[in-house]
Amino acid sequence: MFKIFIITLWVEYQDKLWVKYAMPLQSKCNDTLFYDIKKQFDNSSIDIIALKCTRIKDFKIDKRIYNNEFN
């Protein structure tokens, strides 16, 4: 059986820290995933600060993210 991950991203945009869920779901979570995602935003004003991989079975939705309480 294979694992599916939900990716949580911490991004900096206009000097504010934002927390967002990345889509689509991922089947791998390793060190290169962070650099691959960071590379996608090289030519934008968004800076990827961190990411967290959570297996689907361990995932609990954080309503603070949807309510923008972190921003």
Protein backbone atom coordinates (compact mmCIF):
# COMPACT_ATOMS: atom_id res chain seq x y z
CA MET A 1 0.00 0.00 0.00
CA PHE A 2 1.33 3.40 -0.86
CA LYS A 3 1.19 6.63 1.15
CA ILE A 4 -0.47 9.87 0.11
CA PHE A 5 0.59 13.16 1.69
CA ILE A 6 -1.08 16.52 2.20
CA ILE A 7 1.46 19.33 1.97
CA THR A 8 1.18 22.33 4.28
CA LEU A 9 3.18 25.35 3.11
CA TRP A 10 4.36 28.35 5.04
CA VAL A 11 4.90 31.19 2.57
CA GLU A 12 5.98 34.79 2.94
CA TYR A 13 4.19 37.34 0.79
CA GLN A 14 4.28 41.11 1.25
CA ASP A 15 6.12 40.70 4.58
CA LYS A 16 3.38 38.48 6.03
CA LEU A 17 3.53 34.78 6.81
CA TRP A 18 0.73 32.71 5.27
CA VAL A 19 -0.14 29.05 5.84
CA LYS A 20 -1.77 27.20 2.95
CA TYR A 21 -2.42 23.65 1.83
CA ALA A 22 -0.73 22.75 -1.45
CA MET A 23 -2.57 20.79 -4.11
CA PRO A 24 -2.44 18.22 -5.64
CA LEU A 25 -1.80 15.52 -3.08
CA GLN A 26 1.68 14.00 -3.21
CA SER A 27 2.83 10.40 -3.21
CA LYS A 28 6.36 11.28 -2.10
CA CYS A 29 7.68 13.49 0.65
CA ASN A 30 11.43 13.99 0.71
CA ASP A 31 14.03 16.75 0.80
CA THR A 32 13.83 17.40 -2.91
CA LEU A 33 10.11 18.19 -2.70
CA PHE A 34 10.88 21.39 -0.76
CA TYR A 35 13.40 22.54 -3.37
CA ASP A 36 11.09 21.60 -6.25
CA ILE A 37 8.27 23.68 -4.78
CA LYS A 38 10.64 26.54 -3.97
CA LYS A 39 11.91 26.49 -7.55
CA GLN A 40 8.34 26.92 -8.87
CA PHE A 41 8.18 30.30 -7.11
CA ASP A 42 11.67 31.57 -8.08
CA ASN A 43 10.30 34.28 -10.38
CA SER A 44 7.56 35.51 -8.04
CA SER A 45 7.36 37.63 -4.92
CA ILE A 46 6.29 34.59 -2.88
CA ASP A 47 8.99 32.99 -0.74
CA ILE A 48 8.53 29.42 0.52
CA ILE A 49 9.61 29.32 4.16
CA ALA A 50 8.77 25.75 5.14
CA LEU A 51 6.62 22.77 4.35
CA LYS A 52 5.17 19.88 6.29
CA CYS A 53 4.07 16.52 4.91
CA THR A 54 1.18 14.81 6.67
CA ARG A 55 -0.11 11.38 5.75
CA ILE A 56 -3.79 11.31 4.84
CA LYS A 57 -4.64 8.98 7.71
CA ASP A 58 -2.96 11.34 10.23
CA PHE A 59 -4.40 14.55 8.81
CA LYS A 60 -6.76 16.74 10.83
CA ILE A 61 -7.96 19.94 9.24
CA ASP A 62 -6.75 23.07 10.99
CA LYS A 63 -9.65 25.50 10.83
CA ARG A 64 -7.31 28.36 11.74
CA ILE A 65 -5.80 28.08 8.27
CA TYR A 66 -9.20 28.42 6.59
CA ASN A 67 -10.20 31.28 8.87
CA ASN A 68 -6.90 33.11 8.12
CA GLU A 69 -6.10 33.35 11.82
CA PHE A 70 -2.38 32.95 11.09
CA ASN A 71 -2.29 36.00 8.81
